[in-house]
Protein backbone atom coordinates (compact mmCIF):
# COMPACT_ATOMS: atom_id res chain seq x y z
CA MET A 1 3.20 8.80 17.51
CA ASP A 2 4.23 11.62 15.15
CA LEU A 3 1.69 11.58 12.28
CA ASP A 4 3.73 14.73 10.53
CA HIS A 5 6.81 12.67 10.18
CA LEU A 6 5.01 9.52 9.66
CA VAL A 7 2.99 11.48 6.34
CA SER A 8 5.85 13.37 5.45
CA GLN A 9 8.00 9.55 5.00
CA MET A 10 5.17 8.57 3.30
CA ALA A 11 5.50 11.56 0.09
CA GLU A 12 8.90 10.87 -0.38
CA ASP A 13 8.37 7.34 -0.61
CA ALA A 14 6.46 7.43 -3.15
CA GLN A 15 9.04 10.74 -5.40
CA ARG A 16 11.08 7.46 -4.79
CA ILE A 17 9.26 4.97 -5.79
CA ARG A 18 8.52 8.14 -9.46
CA VAL A 19 12.01 8.16 -9.71
CA LEU A 20 12.91 4.37 -9.42
CA VAL A 21 11.37 3.23 -12.02
CA ASP A 22 11.71 6.13 -14.29
CA GLY A 23 12.99 5.38 -17.85
CA ILE A 24 12.37 1.26 -16.61
CA SER A 25 11.96 0.17 -20.97
CA ASP A 26 8.78 -2.22 -20.99
CA ARG A 27 10.93 -5.42 -21.12
CA GLN A 28 12.50 -4.01 -18.21
CA ALA A 29 9.75 -3.45 -16.50
CA HIS A 30 7.88 -7.20 -17.49
CA TRP A 31 11.38 -8.52 -16.85
CA LYS A 32 11.73 -11.54 -13.70
CA PRO A 33 15.30 -13.23 -12.82
CA ASP A 34 13.29 -16.74 -12.51
CA PRO A 35 9.16 -17.79 -11.84
CA ALA A 36 9.22 -17.03 -8.84
CA SER A 37 10.65 -13.88 -8.49
CA TRP A 38 7.95 -10.28 -9.71
CA SER A 39 8.60 -7.95 -11.88
CA ILE A 40 9.21 -3.99 -11.70
CA LEU A 41 5.51 -3.99 -12.37
CA GLU A 42 4.77 -6.48 -10.25
CA VAL A 43 5.95 -4.71 -7.52
CA VAL A 44 4.70 -1.59 -8.67
CA SER A 45 0.74 -2.99 -8.88
CA HIS A 46 1.27 -4.65 -5.73
CA LEU A 47 1.73 -1.56 -3.84
CA LEU A 48 -0.75 0.49 -5.79
CA ASP A 49 -3.64 -2.64 -4.54
CA GLU A 50 -1.46 -2.65 -1.39
CA GLU A 51 -1.92 1.24 -1.26
CA LYS A 52 -5.59 1.09 -1.81
CA GLU A 53 -6.96 -2.65 -0.27
CA ASP A 54 -4.99 -3.43 2.98
CA PHE A 55 -3.82 -0.59 5.51
CA ARG A 56 -5.81 2.55 4.64
CA VAL A 57 -8.47 0.01 5.54
CA ARG A 58 -7.42 -1.70 8.08
CA ILE A 59 -6.74 1.69 9.08
CA ASP A 60 -10.35 2.97 8.87
CA PHE A 61 -12.08 -0.31 10.26
CA THR A 62 -10.11 -0.80 13.64
CA LEU A 63 -10.40 3.26 14.40
CA HIS A 64 -13.95 3.62 13.13
CA ARG A 65 -15.97 0.36 12.52
CA PRO A 66 -13.67 -2.43 15.30
CA ASP A 67 -16.51 -4.15 14.88
CA GLU A 68 -16.19 -4.91 11.52
CA PRO A 69 -13.92 -7.51 10.02
CA TRP A 70 -11.60 -6.50 8.09
CA PRO A 71 -11.96 -7.03 4.35
CA GLY A 72 -9.86 -10.20 3.47
CA ILE A 73 -6.31 -9.74 1.76
CA ASP A 74 -5.12 -11.80 -1.31
CA PRO A 75 -1.80 -9.97 -1.86
CA GLU A 76 0.14 -13.03 -3.84
CA GLY A 77 -2.45 -14.99 -5.95
CA TRP A 78 -3.89 -10.86 -7.27
CA VAL A 79 -0.01 -11.34 -8.87
CA THR A 80 -1.09 -13.83 -11.16
CA GLN A 81 -5.10 -13.10 -10.25
CA ARG A 82 -5.24 -9.35 -11.47
CA LYS A 83 -2.87 -9.91 -14.52
CA TYR A 84 -0.51 -7.42 -13.01
CA ASN A 85 2.62 -8.73 -14.72
CA GLU A 86 0.16 -7.55 -18.79
CA ARG A 87 -0.04 -3.60 -17.01
CA ASP A 88 1.44 -0.60 -17.97
CA LEU A 89 4.10 0.72 -16.52
CA GLY A 90 3.52 4.08 -16.45
CA ALA A 91 -0.41 3.67 -16.22
CA THR A 92 0.58 1.65 -12.88
CA VAL A 93 2.83 4.03 -11.15
CA GLU A 94 0.58 7.18 -11.76
CA GLY A 95 -1.96 5.34 -10.17
CA PHE A 96 0.21 4.37 -7.18
CA LEU A 97 0.89 7.88 -6.86
CA THR A 98 -2.98 9.19 -7.13
CA ALA A 99 -4.08 6.89 -5.08
CA ARG A 100 -1.26 7.53 -1.85
CA GLU A 101 -2.21 11.35 -2.80
CA GLU A 102 -5.51 10.59 -1.79
CA SER A 103 -5.15 8.26 1.47
CA LEU A 104 -1.89 11.26 2.93
CA ALA A 105 -4.89 13.70 3.14
CA TRP A 106 -7.53 10.77 4.76
CA LEU A 107 -4.56 10.29 7.03
CA ARG A 108 -4.21 14.32 7.75
CA GLY A 109 -8.28 14.29 8.51
CA LEU A 110 -7.82 12.17 10.67
CA SER A 111 -9.40 13.95 14.30
CA SER A 112 -7.46 12.53 17.27
CA PRO A 113 -7.14 8.77 16.25
CA ASN A 114 -6.39 6.63 18.86
CA TRP A 115 -3.32 4.55 18.02
CA ASP A 116 -3.70 2.43 20.55
CA GLU A 117 -6.72 0.85 19.50
CA ALA A 118 -6.66 -2.84 17.90
CA ARG A 119 -7.66 -5.63 17.46
CA ASP A 120 -6.97 -9.68 16.35
CA ALA A 121 -5.51 -10.44 14.04
CA PRO A 122 -4.60 -14.20 13.06
CA PHE A 123 -1.18 -13.33 13.29
CA GLY A 124 -2.33 -11.32 16.66
CA ARG A 125 -3.42 -8.35 18.29
CA ILE A 126 -2.70 -5.18 15.94
CA THR A 127 -2.86 -1.85 16.80
CA ALA A 128 -4.04 0.67 14.36
CA GLY A 129 -0.76 2.37 15.29
CA ASP A 130 1.87 -0.72 14.28
CA VAL A 131 -0.56 -1.08 10.86
CA PHE A 132 0.28 2.19 10.09
CA THR A 133 3.55 2.47 11.57
CA SER A 134 4.13 -1.20 8.39
CA TRP A 135 2.44 1.25 5.95
CA VAL A 136 5.22 3.84 6.13
């Protein structure tokens, strides 16, 4: 696994997200084509929470705390529970970019991670490397 390449891709993707939402009005950020769909703001809020509470945490637990269960997540439920569509887009994007920088620093700081370290998940066996590539 080419850690440097994947970390660079993650940094570039964060900037792509910043550029994609730059100039979006508040009305556009909150708009949903139908009640079951997510607004732009909800998508960015989802990315922020996933960045902070899902991938990095699951990789950390898989690599460093293999006997501890992964903390639970509820991405679908968080949309309404955490009132994503009531947030401010600018603050949410900045929060995501900050969290992504923290993730990149954390990844760069890993010392010879065993990406083949695995654990059982509800959907089957998954390695730290699988989680990482899903994140990218």
